[in-house]
Amino acid sequence: MPTKIGFWNVEHWSNNALLKAEEAEEQATFALERIQRGAVQRGHNTKPTRAVTRLQLRNDWKKHKFSGLSRAEKSELNALKYAKGKLRIAQQKVRKYTYARDMVYSCDHLFYCEVESSHINAQSSRFDGLINPHLLCYAYYHNRVSTPLNHYALWPGAIANLDRVPKYMDIAGSGRGGAVRCYFWHAPSGNNGTIVAAAYNHLNTLHTNLGTPFVLFGDINTEPKNLILKGVPPASIVATDGGTRISTRILDYAITNVPQRIAVRKYQDCPAQSIKDQNGSDHAFMFLEIT
């Protein structure tokens, strides 16, 4: 069996994120129920009213009009739409932070990015190793235990000066090919592939000279096609066929000098637009497998 490594952009995970999300869900549920109870008490025939059945809600908001509704029904429609939106957001966050907690116990190796600096297991994503209140950090768990990632000190200046640089761990595959140096990275948002191609070229030169395998993976924040335009060999890119973010873009994948030993897949095989409804994050939870 391949060695399975989980990785995910968990989006602002803090120590009490799940508790806050559960409290928000409870408050939103109470607000929605209060609106519905009020509608019934006012003698409407349906729950909550004719105006806010699912069909009416969808049609009226799509057309931006409320034909045939009283002022009270319009007000109720607005209140219900707001309450439903708050509840949906709270439920997404509950799912996200429940996943974040539970996956720690489900993966032998687990990498997170966009961890709040206040989190008990946050690790600096900076080259200098410092943490500030606004820094989006990493977290890494091996066999359920938070474990320090290794710092690579030879990044060229263009990468070393970034807010977030790759950190690594040597992880053995299932075969006889030896451990693979796994560089986890939350690459700069909206990059055009230039900085990622530079990181790949640097690592490829280093590990070719050493005769050792490596993989650069994580939230790469640029699509594989952009890396190809920057000169990265297509065979070195290991990615899923479908989008890994709700925007339908492929942003979470791997680049390696041993593509024959690496596979990448989504934990849940669902359309990109459904990712947030499935796990609460804009990004799919991903697995990297090493043979």
C-alpha atoms as a PDB file:
ATOM      1  CA  MET A   1       0.000   0.000   0.000  1.00  0.00           C
ATOM      2  CA  PRO A   2       1.293   3.494  -0.825  1.00  0.00           C
ATOM      3  CA  THR A   3       2.234   5.839   1.975  1.00  0.00           C
ATOM      4  CA  LYS A   4      -0.733   8.210   2.266  1.00  0.00           C
ATOM      5  CA  ILE A   5      -0.184  11.886   3.109  1.00  0.00           C
ATOM      6  CA  GLY A   6      -3.068  14.278   3.718  1.00  0.00           C
ATOM      7  CA  PHE A   7      -2.768  17.975   2.862  1.00  0.00           C
ATOM      8  CA  TRP A   8      -5.267  20.795   2.992  1.00  0.00           C
ATOM      9  CA  ASN A   9      -5.742  24.540   3.006  1.00  0.00           C
ATOM     10  CA  VAL A  10      -7.826  24.582   6.188  1.00  0.00           C
ATOM     11  CA  GLU A  11      -8.575  28.325   6.070  1.00  0.00           C
ATOM     12  CA  HIS A  12      -8.035  30.101   9.375  1.00  0.00           C
ATOM     13  CA  TRP A  13      -7.922  27.194  11.816  1.00  0.00           C
ATOM     14  CA  SER A  14      -7.553  28.384  15.413  1.00  0.00           C
ATOM     15  CA  ASN A  15      -7.717  26.645  18.793  1.00  0.00           C
ATOM     16  CA  ASN A  16     -11.388  27.490  19.358  1.00  0.00           C
ATOM     17  CA  ALA A  17     -12.545  27.657  15.723  1.00  0.00           C
ATOM     18  CA  LEU A  18     -14.839  24.627  16.022  1.00  0.00           C
ATOM     19  CA  LEU A  19     -16.414  25.885  19.254  1.00  0.00           C
ATOM     20  CA  LYS A  20     -17.099  29.299  17.712  1.00  0.00           C
ATOM     21  CA  ALA A  21     -18.589  27.681  14.603  1.00  0.00           C
ATOM     22  CA  GLU A  22     -20.866  25.474  16.705  1.00  0.00           C
ATOM     23  CA  GLU A  23     -22.034  28.490  18.705  1.00  0.00           C
ATOM     24  CA  ALA A  24     -22.734  30.392  15.478  1.00  0.00           C
ATOM     25  CA  GLU A  25     -24.694  27.428  14.121  1.00  0.00           C
ATOM     26  CA  GLU A  26     -26.797  27.275  17.290  1.00  0.00           C
ATOM     27  CA  GLN A  27     -27.529  31.014  17.152  1.00  0.00           C
ATOM     28  CA  ALA A  28     -28.423  30.892  13.434  1.00  0.00           C
ATOM     29  CA  THR A  29     -30.716  27.903  13.990  1.00  0.00           C
ATOM     30  CA  PHE A  30     -32.504  29.718  16.800  1.00  0.00           C
ATOM     31  CA  ALA A  31     -32.927  32.860  14.662  1.00  0.00           C
ATOM     32  CA  LEU A  32     -34.368  30.855  11.766  1.00  0.00           C
ATOM     33  CA  GLU A  33     -36.775  28.987  14.029  1.00  0.00           C
ATOM     34  CA  ARG A  34     -37.921  32.264  15.594  1.00  0.00           C
ATOM     35  CA  ILE A  35     -38.806  33.663  12.161  1.00  0.00           C
ATOM     36  CA  GLN A  36     -40.704  30.493  11.294  1.00  0.00           C
ATOM     37  CA  ARG A  37     -42.605  30.445  14.593  1.00  0.00           C
ATOM     38  CA  GLY A  38     -43.586  34.077  14.106  1.00  0.00           C
ATOM     39  CA  ALA A  39     -44.961  33.323  10.647  1.00  0.00           C
ATOM     40  CA  VAL A  40     -47.131  30.502  11.938  1.00  0.00           C
ATOM     41  CA  GLN A  41     -48.419  32.621  14.849  1.00  0.00           C
ATOM     42  CA  ARG A  42     -49.513  35.294  12.389  1.00  0.00           C
ATOM     43  CA  GLY A  43     -51.786  32.747  10.736  1.00  0.00           C
ATOM     44  CA  HIS A  44     -49.947  32.035   7.496  1.00  0.00           C
ATOM     45  CA  ASN A  45     -51.035  28.824   5.810  1.00  0.00           C
ATOM     46  CA  THR A  46     -47.540  27.460   5.211  1.00  0.00           C
ATOM     47  CA  LYS A  47     -44.337  27.433   7.156  1.00  0.00           C
ATOM     48  CA  PRO A  48     -43.134  30.127   7.205  1.00  0.00           C
ATOM     49  CA  THR A  49     -45.351  31.813   4.521  1.00  0.00           C
ATOM     50  CA  ARG A  50     -46.458  31.547   0.931  1.00  0.00           C
ATOM     51  CA  ALA A  51     -43.785  34.112   0.124  1.00  0.00           C
ATOM     52  CA  VAL A  52     -40.876  32.177   1.485  1.00  0.00           C
ATOM     53  CA  THR A  53     -41.399  28.672   0.255  1.00  0.00           C
ATOM     54  CA  ARG A  54     -38.321  27.362  -1.515  1.00  0.00           C
ATOM     55  CA  LEU A  55     -39.734  27.988  -4.982  1.00  0.00           C
ATOM     56  CA  GLN A  56     -40.904  31.508  -4.163  1.00  0.00           C
ATOM     57  CA  LEU A  57     -37.606  32.363  -2.487  1.00  0.00           C
ATOM     58  CA  ARG A  58     -35.608  31.237  -5.509  1.00  0.00           C
ATOM     59  CA  ASN A  59     -37.814  32.843  -8.134  1.00  0.00           C
ATOM     60  CA  ASP A  60     -38.345  36.177  -6.407  1.00  0.00           C
ATOM     61  CA  TRP A  61     -34.674  36.723  -5.625  1.00  0.00           C
ATOM     62  CA  LYS A  62     -33.592  35.675  -9.094  1.00  0.00           C
ATOM     63  CA  LYS A  63     -35.957  38.230 -10.661  1.00  0.00           C
ATOM     64  CA  HIS A  64     -35.202  40.903  -8.042  1.00  0.00           C
ATOM     65  CA  LYS A  65     -38.894  41.546  -7.500  1.00  0.00           C
ATOM     66  CA  PHE A  66     -41.635  40.633  -5.055  1.00  0.00           C
ATOM     67  CA  SER A  67     -44.832  40.836  -7.078  1.00  0.00           C
ATOM     68  CA  GLY A  68     -47.997  40.329  -5.077  1.00  0.00           C
ATOM     69  CA  LEU A  69     -46.314  40.376  -1.662  1.00  0.00           C
ATOM     70  CA  SER A  70     -47.309  42.563   1.237  1.00  0.00           C
ATOM     71  CA  ARG A  71     -44.778  44.722   3.068  1.00  0.00           C
ATOM     72  CA  ALA A  72     -44.759  42.237   5.947  1.00  0.00           C
ATOM     73  CA  GLU A  73     -44.114  39.331   3.583  1.00  0.00           C
ATOM     74  CA  LYS A  74     -41.269  41.215   1.907  1.00  0.00           C
ATOM     75  CA  SER A  75     -39.717  41.915   5.289  1.00  0.00           C
ATOM     76  CA  GLU A  76     -40.117  38.295   6.279  1.00  0.00           C
ATOM     77  CA  LEU A  77     -38.585  37.138   3.003  1.00  0.00           C
ATOM     78  CA  ASN A  78     -35.512  39.297   3.621  1.00  0.00           C
ATOM     79  CA  ALA A  79     -35.208  38.098   7.211  1.00  0.00           C
ATOM     80  CA  LEU A  80     -35.485  34.467   6.211  1.00  0.00           C
ATOM     81  CA  LYS A  81     -32.925  34.800   3.406  1.00  0.00           C
ATOM     82  CA  TYR A  82     -30.474  36.402   5.823  1.00  0.00           C
ATOM     83  CA  ALA A  83     -31.062  33.771   8.518  1.00  0.00           C
ATOM     84  CA  LYS A  84     -30.669  30.906   6.054  1.00  0.00           C
ATOM     85  CA  GLY A  85     -27.432  32.411   4.771  1.00  0.00           C
ATOM     86  CA  LYS A  86     -26.008  32.745   8.281  1.00  0.00           C
ATOM     87  CA  LEU A  87     -26.964  29.153   9.082  1.00  0.00           C
ATOM     88  CA  ARG A  88     -25.390  27.820   5.880  1.00  0.00           C
ATOM     89  CA  ILE A  89     -22.110  29.621   6.562  1.00  0.00           C
ATOM     90  CA  ALA A  90     -22.058  28.373  10.169  1.00  0.00           C
ATOM     91  CA  GLN A  91     -22.723  24.787   9.068  1.00  0.00           C
ATOM     92  CA  GLN A  92     -19.904  24.986   6.506  1.00  0.00           C
ATOM     93  CA  LYS A  93     -17.492  26.131   9.208  1.00  0.00           C
ATOM     94  CA  VAL A  94     -18.595  23.360  11.556  1.00  0.00           C
ATOM     95  CA  ARG A  95     -17.902  20.804   8.817  1.00  0.00           C
ATOM     96  CA  LYS A  96     -14.535  22.364   8.008  1.00  0.00           C
ATOM     97  CA  TYR A  97     -13.200  22.459  11.545  1.00  0.00           C
ATOM     98  CA  THR A  98     -14.634  19.027  12.356  1.00  0.00           C
ATOM     99  CA  TYR A  99     -12.698  17.688   9.350  1.00  0.00           C
ATOM    100  CA  ALA A 100      -9.577  19.510  10.523  1.00  0.00           C
ATOM    101  CA  ARG A 101      -9.837  17.899  13.953  1.00  0.00           C
ATOM    102  CA  ASP A 102     -10.783  14.393  12.828  1.00  0.00           C
ATOM    103  CA  MET A 103      -8.235  14.087  10.017  1.00  0.00           C
ATOM    104  CA  VAL A 104      -5.448  14.393  12.571  1.00  0.00           C
ATOM    105  CA  TYR A 105      -6.503  10.925  13.749  1.00  0.00           C
ATOM    106  CA  SER A 106      -7.023   9.508  10.247  1.00  0.00           C
ATOM    107  CA  CYS A 107      -3.713  10.231   8.475  1.00  0.00           C
ATOM    108  CA  ASP A 108      -0.222   8.984   9.287  1.00  0.00           C
ATOM    109  CA  HIS A 109       1.114  12.229   7.806  1.00  0.00           C
ATOM    110  CA  LEU A 110      -0.958  15.400   7.650  1.00  0.00           C
ATOM    111  CA  PHE A 111       0.001  18.888   6.426  1.00  0.00           C
ATOM    112  CA  TYR A 112      -2.174  21.982   6.915  1.00  0.00           C
ATOM    113  CA  CYS A 113      -1.724  25.541   5.677  1.00  0.00           C
ATOM    114  CA  GLU A 114      -3.621  28.721   6.587  1.00  0.00           C
ATOM    115  CA  VAL A 115      -3.407  27.830  10.264  1.00  0.00           C
ATOM    116  CA  GLU A 116      -3.880  30.836  12.545  1.00  0.00           C
ATOM    117  CA  SER A 117      -0.703  31.880  14.361  1.00  0.00           C
ATOM    118  CA  SER A 118      -2.537  31.530  17.683  1.00  0.00           C
ATOM    119  CA  HIS A 119      -3.135  27.801  17.141  1.00  0.00           C
ATOM    120  CA  ILE A 120      -1.306  25.613  19.632  1.00  0.00           C
ATOM    121  CA  ASN A 121       0.316  23.593  16.815  1.00  0.00           C
ATOM    122  CA  ALA A 122       1.063  26.469  14.420  1.00  0.00           C
ATOM    123  CA  GLN A 123       4.498  26.476  12.778  1.00  0.00           C
ATOM    124  CA  SER A 124       5.970  29.498  11.068  1.00  0.00           C
ATOM    125  CA  SER A 125       5.759  29.551   7.284  1.00  0.00           C
ATOM    126  CA  ARG A 126       8.462  32.256   7.079  1.00  0.00           C
ATOM    127  CA  PHE A 127      12.087  31.741   6.094  1.00  0.00           C
ATOM    128  CA  ASP A 128      13.248  33.302   9.367  1.00  0.00           C
ATOM    129  CA  GLY A 129      10.927  31.091  11.436  1.00  0.00           C
ATOM    130  CA  LEU A 130       9.203  34.017  13.150  1.00  0.00           C
ATOM    131  CA  ILE A 131       5.481  34.133  13.911  1.00  0.00           C
ATOM    132  CA  ASN A 132       3.369  37.284  14.057  1.00  0.00           C
ATOM    133  CA  PRO A 133      -0.382  37.660  14.766  1.00  0.00           C
ATOM    134  CA  HIS A 134      -1.227  38.076  11.085  1.00  0.00           C
ATOM    135  CA  LEU A 135       0.854  35.191   9.723  1.00  0.00           C
ATOM    136  CA  LEU A 136      -0.852  32.211   8.076  1.00  0.00           C
ATOM    137  CA  CYS A 137       1.098  29.249   9.392  1.00  0.00           C
ATOM    138  CA  TYR A 138       1.605  25.533   8.781  1.00  0.00           C
ATOM    139  CA  ALA A 139       0.809  22.527  10.941  1.00  0.00           C
ATOM    140  CA  TYR A 140       2.165  19.002  10.534  1.00  0.00           C
ATOM    141  CA  TYR A 141       1.087  15.818  12.307  1.00  0.00           C
ATOM    142  CA  HIS A 142       2.838  12.455  12.222  1.00  0.00           C
ATOM    143  CA  ASN A 143       0.927   9.577  13.803  1.00  0.00           C
ATOM    144  CA  ARG A 144      -1.446  12.092  15.453  1.00  0.00           C
ATOM    145  CA  VAL A 145       1.390  14.066  17.056  1.00  0.00           C
ATOM    146  CA  SER A 146       2.290  17.634  16.115  1.00  0.00           C
ATOM    147  CA  THR A 147       5.841  17.453  14.764  1.00  0.00           C
ATOM    148  CA  PRO A 148       8.224  20.282  13.739  1.00  0.00           C
ATOM    149  CA  LEU A 149       8.808  20.631  10.023  1.00  0.00           C
ATOM    150  CA  ASN A 150      12.361  20.987   8.775  1.00  0.00           C
ATOM    151  CA  HIS A 151      13.713  24.315   7.537  1.00  0.00           C
ATOM    152  CA  TYR A 152      15.600  24.471   4.251  1.00  0.00           C
ATOM    153  CA  ALA A 153      18.178  27.248   4.468  1.00  0.00           C
ATOM    154  CA  LEU A 154      19.378  27.522   0.854  1.00  0.00           C
ATOM    155  CA  TRP A 155      16.403  29.108  -0.879  1.00  0.00           C
ATOM    156  CA  PRO A 156      17.385  31.872  -3.311  1.00  0.00           C
ATOM    157  CA  GLY A 157      16.360  35.374  -2.295  1.00  0.00           C
ATOM    158  CA  ALA A 158      13.256  35.538  -4.496  1.00  0.00           C
ATOM    159  CA  ILE A 159      11.769  32.670  -2.477  1.00  0.00           C
ATOM    160  CA  ALA A 160      13.392  33.344   0.896  1.00  0.00           C
ATOM    161  CA  ASN A 161      11.865  36.848   0.946  1.00  0.00           C
ATOM    162  CA  LEU A 162       8.308  35.557   0.599  1.00  0.00           C
ATOM    163  CA  ASP A 163       5.904  35.516   3.537  1.00  0.00           C
ATOM    164  CA  ARG A 164       5.575  31.742   3.110  1.00  0.00           C
ATOM    165  CA  VAL A 165       8.302  29.321   2.025  1.00  0.00           C
ATOM    166  CA  PRO A 166       8.260  25.514   1.659  1.00  0.00           C
ATOM    167  CA  LYS A 167       9.107  23.442   4.734  1.00  0.00           C
ATOM    168  CA  TYR A 168       9.996  19.777   4.435  1.00  0.00           C
ATOM    169  CA  MET A 169       9.838  16.290   5.917  1.00  0.00           C
ATOM    170  CA  ASP A 170      11.513  13.096   4.677  1.00  0.00           C
ATOM    171  CA  ILE A 171       8.832  10.431   4.244  1.00  0.00           C
ATOM    172  CA  ALA A 172       9.368   6.832   3.166  1.00  0.00           C
ATOM    173  CA  GLY A 173       7.272   5.287   0.421  1.00  0.00           C
ATOM    174  CA  SER A 174       5.922   1.769   0.332  1.00  0.00           C
ATOM    175  CA  GLY A 175       8.601   0.424  -2.035  1.00  0.00           C
ATOM    176  CA  ARG A 176      12.367   0.239  -2.047  1.00  0.00           C
ATOM    177  CA  GLY A 177      13.024   3.641  -3.562  1.00  0.00           C
ATOM    178  CA  GLY A 178      13.984   5.252  -0.276  1.00  0.00           C
ATOM    179  CA  ALA A 179      12.488   8.259   1.471  1.00  0.00           C
ATOM    180  CA  VAL A 180      11.191  11.181  -0.553  1.00  0.00           C
ATOM    181  CA  ARG A 181      11.918  14.708   0.643  1.00  0.00           C
ATOM    182  CA  CYS A 182       8.452  16.265   0.805  1.00  0.00           C
ATOM    183  CA  TYR A 183       8.369  20.075   0.587  1.00  0.00           C
ATOM    184  CA  PHE A 184       5.002  21.464   1.659  1.00  0.00           C
ATOM    185  CA  TRP A 185       4.131  24.947   0.412  1.00  0.00           C
ATOM    186  CA  HIS A 186       1.343  27.503   0.586  1.00  0.00           C
ATOM    187  CA  ALA A 187       2.551  29.421  -2.442  1.00  0.00           C
ATOM    188  CA  PRO A 188       1.806  33.142  -2.971  1.00  0.00           C
ATOM    189  CA  SER A 189      -1.804  33.839  -3.865  1.00  0.00           C
ATOM    190  CA  GLY A 190      -2.494  34.664  -7.492  1.00  0.00           C
ATOM    191  CA  ASN A 191       1.045  33.923  -8.691  1.00  0.00           C
ATOM    192  CA  ASN A 192       1.493  33.344 -12.428  1.00  0.00           C
ATOM    193  CA  GLY A 193       3.748  30.338 -12.001  1.00  0.00           C
ATOM    194  CA  THR A 194       7.098  32.150 -12.170  1.00  0.00           C
ATOM    195  CA  ILE A 195       7.980  31.783  -8.486  1.00  0.00           C
ATOM    196  CA  VAL A 196       6.764  28.160  -8.334  1.00  0.00           C
ATOM    197  CA  ALA A 197       8.788  27.269 -11.443  1.00  0.00           C
ATOM    198  CA  ALA A 198      11.839  28.880  -9.798  1.00  0.00           C
ATOM    199  CA  ALA A 199      11.331  26.753  -6.676  1.00  0.00           C
ATOM    200  CA  TYR A 200      10.953  23.603  -8.753  1.00  0.00           C
ATOM    201  CA  ASN A 201      14.049  24.360 -10.837  1.00  0.00           C
ATOM    202  CA  HIS A 202      16.092  25.005  -7.710  1.00  0.00           C
ATOM    203  CA  LEU A 203      14.962  21.767  -6.062  1.00  0.00           C
ATOM    204  CA  ASN A 204      15.348  19.749  -9.256  1.00  0.00           C
ATOM    205  CA  THR A 205      18.938  20.907  -9.693  1.00  0.00           C
ATOM    206  CA  LEU A 206      19.719  20.225  -6.034  1.00  0.00           C
ATOM    207  CA  HIS A 207      18.229  16.736  -5.943  1.00  0.00           C
ATOM    208  CA  THR A 208      19.529  15.745  -9.373  1.00  0.00           C
ATOM    209  CA  ASN A 209      23.037  16.519  -8.117  1.00  0.00           C
ATOM    210  CA  LEU A 210      22.340  14.575  -4.920  1.00  0.00           C
ATOM    211  CA  GLY A 211      20.621  11.722  -6.724  1.00  0.00           C
ATOM    212  CA  THR A 212      17.648  11.892  -4.348  1.00  0.00           C
ATOM    213  CA  PRO A 213      13.866  12.129  -4.875  1.00  0.00           C
ATOM    214  CA  PHE A 214      11.759  15.128  -3.934  1.00  0.00           C
ATOM    215  CA  VAL A 215       8.188  16.361  -4.241  1.00  0.00           C
ATOM    216  CA  LEU A 216       6.941  19.942  -3.902  1.00  0.00           C
ATOM    217  CA  PHE A 217       3.248  19.962  -3.031  1.00  0.00           C
ATOM    218  CA  GLY A 218       0.443  21.878  -1.321  1.00  0.00           C
ATOM    219  CA  ASP A 219      -1.693  24.862  -2.265  1.00  0.00           C
ATOM    220  CA  ILE A 220       0.417  25.882  -5.248  1.00  0.00           C
ATOM    221  CA  ASN A 221      -1.928  28.781  -6.097  1.00  0.00           C
ATOM    222  CA  THR A 222      -1.318  28.577  -9.832  1.00  0.00           C
ATOM    223  CA  GLU A 223      -2.586  26.033 -12.318  1.00  0.00           C
ATOM    224  CA  PRO A 224      -0.342  23.365 -13.885  1.00  0.00           C
ATOM    225  CA  LYS A 225      -0.744  24.926 -17.334  1.00  0.00           C
ATOM    226  CA  ASN A 226       0.979  28.085 -16.042  1.00  0.00           C
ATOM    227  CA  LEU A 227       3.966  26.062 -14.835  1.00  0.00           C
ATOM    228  CA  ILE A 228       4.249  24.377 -18.233  1.00  0.00           C
ATOM    229  CA  LEU A 229       4.389  27.813 -19.849  1.00  0.00           C
ATOM    230  CA  LYS A 230       7.271  28.639 -17.471  1.00  0.00           C
ATOM    231  CA  GLY A 231       9.234  25.592 -18.582  1.00  0.00           C
ATOM    232  CA  VAL A 232       8.294  22.967 -15.988  1.00  0.00           C
ATOM    233  CA  PRO A 233       8.110  19.574 -17.755  1.00  0.00           C
ATOM    234  CA  PRO A 234       4.500  18.312 -17.901  1.00  0.00           C
ATOM    235  CA  ALA A 235       5.684  14.873 -16.774  1.00  0.00           C
ATOM    236  CA  SER A 236       6.921  16.372 -13.500  1.00  0.00           C
ATOM    237  CA  ILE A 237       3.451  17.689 -12.556  1.00  0.00           C
ATOM    238  CA  VAL A 238       1.117  15.286 -10.744  1.00  0.00           C
ATOM    239  CA  ALA A 239      -2.418  16.636 -10.433  1.00  0.00           C
ATOM    240  CA  THR A 240      -6.062  15.602 -10.477  1.00  0.00           C
ATOM    241  CA  ASP A 241      -8.204  15.973 -13.593  1.00  0.00           C
ATOM    242  CA  GLY A 242     -10.864  18.139 -11.912  1.00  0.00           C
ATOM    243  CA  GLY A 243     -10.684  21.404 -10.013  1.00  0.00           C
ATOM    244  CA  THR A 244      -9.466  21.380  -6.418  1.00  0.00           C
ATOM    245  CA  ARG A 245     -10.985  24.755  -5.521  1.00  0.00           C
ATOM    246  CA  ILE A 246     -14.568  26.003  -5.775  1.00  0.00           C
ATOM    247  CA  SER A 247     -13.451  28.298  -8.605  1.00  0.00           C
ATOM    248  CA  THR A 248     -12.893  25.012 -10.592  1.00  0.00           C
ATOM    249  CA  ARG A 249      -9.155  25.737 -10.859  1.00  0.00           C
ATOM    250  CA  ILE A 250      -6.543  23.063 -10.116  1.00  0.00           C
ATOM    251  CA  LEU A 251      -4.418  24.627  -7.368  1.00  0.00           C
ATOM    252  CA  ASP A 252      -3.587  21.742  -4.995  1.00  0.00           C
ATOM    253  CA  TYR A 253      -1.140  19.246  -6.509  1.00  0.00           C
ATOM    254  CA  ALA A 254       2.500  18.115  -6.674  1.00  0.00           C
ATOM    255  CA  ILE A 255       5.657  18.672  -8.721  1.00  0.00           C
ATOM    256  CA  THR A 256       8.367  16.045  -8.498  1.00  0.00           C
ATOM    257  CA  ASN A 257      11.419  14.391 -10.032  1.00  0.00           C
ATOM    258  CA  VAL A 258       9.905  10.928  -9.403  1.00  0.00           C
ATOM    259  CA  PRO A 259       6.403  11.145 -10.937  1.00  0.00           C
ATOM    260  CA  GLN A 260       6.287   7.363 -11.256  1.00  0.00           C
ATOM    261  CA  ARG A 261       6.218   7.138  -7.453  1.00  0.00           C
ATOM    262  CA  ILE A 262       3.707   9.931  -6.775  1.00  0.00           C
ATOM    263  CA  ALA A 263      -0.085  10.086  -7.046  1.00  0.00           C
ATOM    264  CA  VAL A 264      -2.473  12.876  -6.036  1.00  0.00           C
ATOM    265  CA  ARG A 265      -6.207  12.554  -5.503  1.00  0.00           C
ATOM    266  CA  LYS A 266      -9.082  14.296  -3.783  1.00  0.00           C
ATOM    267  CA  TYR A 267     -10.486  12.817  -0.592  1.00  0.00           C
ATOM    268  CA  GLN A 268     -14.014  13.376  -1.903  1.00  0.00           C
ATOM    269  CA  ASP A 269     -14.645  12.971  -5.597  1.00  0.00           C
ATOM    270  CA  CYS A 270     -17.164  15.756  -6.133  1.00  0.00           C
ATOM    271  CA  PRO A 271     -17.547  18.658  -8.580  1.00  0.00           C
ATOM    272  CA  ALA A 272     -15.378  21.633  -7.690  1.00  0.00           C
ATOM    273  CA  GLN A 273     -18.438  23.836  -7.112  1.00  0.00           C
ATOM    274  CA  SER A 274     -19.593  21.433  -4.360  1.00  0.00           C
ATOM    275  CA  ILE A 275     -16.324  21.383  -2.407  1.00  0.00           C
ATOM    276  CA  LYS A 276     -17.380  23.982   0.176  1.00  0.00           C
ATOM    277  CA  ASP A 277     -20.675  22.187   0.821  1.00  0.00           C
ATOM    278  CA  GLN A 278     -18.759  18.954   1.359  1.00  0.00           C
ATOM    279  CA  ASN A 279     -15.975  20.066   3.701  1.00  0.00           C
ATOM    280  CA  GLY A 280     -16.533  23.765   4.429  1.00  0.00           C
ATOM    281  CA  SER A 281     -13.312  24.977   2.792  1.00  0.00           C
ATOM    282  CA  ASP A 282     -12.750  26.573  -0.612  1.00  0.00           C
ATOM    283  CA  HIS A 283     -10.173  23.826  -1.223  1.00  0.00           C
ATOM    284  CA  ALA A 284     -10.586  20.067  -1.513  1.00  0.00           C
ATOM    285  CA  PHE A 285      -8.905  17.868   1.061  1.00  0.00           C
ATOM    286  CA  MET A 286      -6.114  16.109  -0.843  1.00  0.00           C
ATOM    287  CA  PHE A 287      -4.064  12.933  -0.572  1.00  0.00           C
ATOM    288  CA  LEU A 288      -0.496  12.562  -1.802  1.00  0.00           C
ATOM    289  CA  GLU A 289       0.539   8.910  -2.173  1.00  0.00           C
ATOM    290  CA  ILE A 290       4.129   7.658  -2.377  1.00  0.00           C
ATOM    291  CA  THR A 291       5.093   4.194  -3.548  1.00  0.00           C
END
